[in-house]
Amino acid sequence: MKTQQQISQWIKTYLADILEVESDEIDENYEFERFGLNSSAAVSLVGDLEEWLGFELSPALFFEFNTIAQVSAHLAEMTQTENSLENAA
């Protein structure tokens, strides 16, 4: 199960690679628009994040949640839900 902190760090590292900056330079409270995240980059990010987390995500995830902090909190809750469903099966 991934924590909010792990998810946040994963996204920051991903964006840092794209932006060619250090991940600690990325503020998780900045809106994604500030990073220049276009729809193509967002779709790629969602796909890679789905693979890392192990479950399907909405393609509009980064438009529904405006910051890394918001996305990572939401995904941490989803991870708990997915884990609960797997344990119940």
C-alpha atoms as a PDB file:
ATOM      1  CA  MET A   1       0.000   0.000   0.000  1.00  0.00           C
ATOM      2  CA  LYS A   2       1.369   3.394  -0.993  1.00  0.00           C
ATOM      3  CA  THR A   3       1.244   6.321   1.425  1.00  0.00           C
ATOM      4  CA  GLN A   4       0.417   9.904   0.557  1.00  0.00           C
ATOM      5  CA  GLN A   5       4.076  10.814   1.055  1.00  0.00           C
ATOM      6  CA  GLN A   6       5.285   8.044  -1.283  1.00  0.00           C
ATOM      7  CA  ILE A   7       2.787   9.060  -3.966  1.00  0.00           C
ATOM      8  CA  SER A   8       3.688  12.725  -3.627  1.00  0.00           C
ATOM      9  CA  GLN A   9       7.404  11.935  -3.929  1.00  0.00           C
ATOM     10  CA  TRP A  10       6.796   9.727  -6.980  1.00  0.00           C
ATOM     11  CA  ILE A  11       4.901  12.535  -8.750  1.00  0.00           C
ATOM     12  CA  LYS A  12       7.528  15.116  -7.790  1.00  0.00           C
ATOM     13  CA  THR A  13      10.311  12.870  -9.133  1.00  0.00           C
ATOM     14  CA  TYR A  14       8.357  12.269 -12.344  1.00  0.00           C
ATOM     15  CA  LEU A  15       7.795  15.993 -12.886  1.00  0.00           C
ATOM     16  CA  ALA A  16      11.401  16.787 -11.981  1.00  0.00           C
ATOM     17  CA  ASP A  17      12.590  14.458 -14.749  1.00  0.00           C
ATOM     18  CA  ILE A  18      10.328  16.163 -17.283  1.00  0.00           C
ATOM     19  CA  LEU A  19      11.219  19.677 -16.126  1.00  0.00           C
ATOM     20  CA  GLU A  20      14.913  18.857 -15.651  1.00  0.00           C
ATOM     21  CA  VAL A  21      15.023  20.169 -12.083  1.00  0.00           C
ATOM     22  CA  GLU A  22      15.618  18.576  -8.695  1.00  0.00           C
ATOM     23  CA  SER A  23      12.504  17.022  -7.120  1.00  0.00           C
ATOM     24  CA  ASP A  24      12.979  19.078  -3.953  1.00  0.00           C
ATOM     25  CA  GLU A  25      12.493  22.211  -6.087  1.00  0.00           C
ATOM     26  CA  ILE A  26       8.915  21.163  -6.797  1.00  0.00           C
ATOM     27  CA  ASP A  27       6.361  22.466  -4.312  1.00  0.00           C
ATOM     28  CA  GLU A  28       3.520  19.996  -3.889  1.00  0.00           C
ATOM     29  CA  ASN A  29       1.110  22.870  -3.251  1.00  0.00           C
ATOM     30  CA  TYR A  30       1.689  24.553  -6.621  1.00  0.00           C
ATOM     31  CA  GLU A  31      -1.069  24.077  -9.172  1.00  0.00           C
ATOM     32  CA  PHE A  32      -0.186  21.764 -12.043  1.00  0.00           C
ATOM     33  CA  GLU A  33      -0.654  24.637 -14.503  1.00  0.00           C
ATOM     34  CA  ARG A  34       2.441  26.215 -12.991  1.00  0.00           C
ATOM     35  CA  PHE A  35       4.505  23.226 -14.166  1.00  0.00           C
ATOM     36  CA  GLY A  36       3.254  23.583 -17.743  1.00  0.00           C
ATOM     37  CA  LEU A  37       1.560  20.193 -17.610  1.00  0.00           C
ATOM     38  CA  ASN A  38      -0.376  19.899 -20.862  1.00  0.00           C
ATOM     39  CA  SER A  39      -2.986  17.238 -21.559  1.00  0.00           C
ATOM     40  CA  SER A  40      -0.525  14.965 -23.373  1.00  0.00           C
ATOM     41  CA  ALA A  41       1.931  15.040 -20.455  1.00  0.00           C
ATOM     42  CA  ALA A  42      -0.933  14.516 -17.996  1.00  0.00           C
ATOM     43  CA  VAL A  43      -2.128  11.407 -19.864  1.00  0.00           C
ATOM     44  CA  SER A  44       1.410   9.970 -19.854  1.00  0.00           C
ATOM     45  CA  LEU A  45       1.762  10.735 -16.164  1.00  0.00           C
ATOM     46  CA  VAL A  46      -1.569   9.063 -15.369  1.00  0.00           C
ATOM     47  CA  GLY A  47      -0.554   5.967 -17.349  1.00  0.00           C
ATOM     48  CA  ASP A  48       2.776   5.611 -15.567  1.00  0.00           C
ATOM     49  CA  LEU A  49       1.160   6.309 -12.212  1.00  0.00           C
ATOM     50  CA  GLU A  50      -1.486   3.622 -12.880  1.00  0.00           C
ATOM     51  CA  GLU A  51       1.267   1.130 -13.583  1.00  0.00           C
ATOM     52  CA  TRP A  52       3.136   2.061 -10.398  1.00  0.00           C
ATOM     53  CA  LEU A  53       0.014   1.961  -8.199  1.00  0.00           C
ATOM     54  CA  GLY A  54      -1.468  -1.128  -9.817  1.00  0.00           C
ATOM     55  CA  PHE A  55      -4.974   0.163 -10.509  1.00  0.00           C
ATOM     56  CA  GLU A  56      -6.821   2.261 -13.089  1.00  0.00           C
ATOM     57  CA  LEU A  57      -7.079   6.040 -12.747  1.00  0.00           C
ATOM     58  CA  SER A  58      -9.197   8.712 -14.389  1.00  0.00           C
ATOM     59  CA  PRO A  59      -7.451  10.331 -17.373  1.00  0.00           C
ATOM     60  CA  ALA A  60      -8.676  13.676 -15.997  1.00  0.00           C
ATOM     61  CA  LEU A  61      -7.092  13.099 -12.577  1.00  0.00           C
ATOM     62  CA  PHE A  62      -4.719  16.070 -12.797  1.00  0.00           C
ATOM     63  CA  PHE A  63      -7.513  18.356 -13.936  1.00  0.00           C
ATOM     64  CA  GLU A  64      -9.859  17.240 -11.130  1.00  0.00           C
ATOM     65  CA  PHE A  65      -7.194  17.780  -8.459  1.00  0.00           C
ATOM     66  CA  ASN A  66      -5.049  20.892  -8.913  1.00  0.00           C
ATOM     67  CA  THR A  67      -1.941  20.127  -6.849  1.00  0.00           C
ATOM     68  CA  ILE A  68       0.377  17.226  -6.056  1.00  0.00           C
ATOM     69  CA  ALA A  69      -0.812  17.398  -2.437  1.00  0.00           C
ATOM     70  CA  GLN A  70      -4.465  17.036  -3.502  1.00  0.00           C
ATOM     71  CA  VAL A  71      -3.756  14.216  -5.968  1.00  0.00           C
ATOM     72  CA  SER A  72      -1.563  12.286  -3.553  1.00  0.00           C
ATOM     73  CA  ALA A  73      -4.155  12.557  -0.745  1.00  0.00           C
ATOM     74  CA  HIS A  74      -6.867  11.306  -3.094  1.00  0.00           C
ATOM     75  CA  LEU A  75      -4.713   8.459  -4.396  1.00  0.00           C
ATOM     76  CA  ALA A  76      -3.675   7.394  -0.888  1.00  0.00           C
ATOM     77  CA  GLU A  77      -7.386   7.036  -0.054  1.00  0.00           C
ATOM     78  CA  MET A  78      -7.940   5.079  -3.270  1.00  0.00           C
ATOM     79  CA  THR A  79      -5.003   2.812  -2.412  1.00  0.00           C
ATOM     80  CA  GLN A  80      -6.564   2.036   0.963  1.00  0.00           C
ATOM     81  CA  THR A  81      -9.885   1.277  -0.729  1.00  0.00           C
ATOM     82  CA  GLU A  82      -8.244  -0.983  -3.328  1.00  0.00           C
ATOM     83  CA  ASN A  83      -6.323  -2.764  -0.573  1.00  0.00           C
ATOM     84  CA  SER A  84      -9.512  -3.259   1.466  1.00  0.00           C
ATOM     85  CA  LEU A  85     -11.325  -4.706  -1.541  1.00  0.00           C
ATOM     86  CA  GLU A  86      -8.467  -7.117  -2.260  1.00  0.00           C
ATOM     87  CA  ASN A  87      -8.380  -8.281   1.354  1.00  0.00           C
ATOM     88  CA  ALA A  88     -12.149  -8.804   1.395  1.00  0.00           C
ATOM     89  CA  ALA A  89     -12.091 -10.997  -1.733  1.00  0.00           C
END
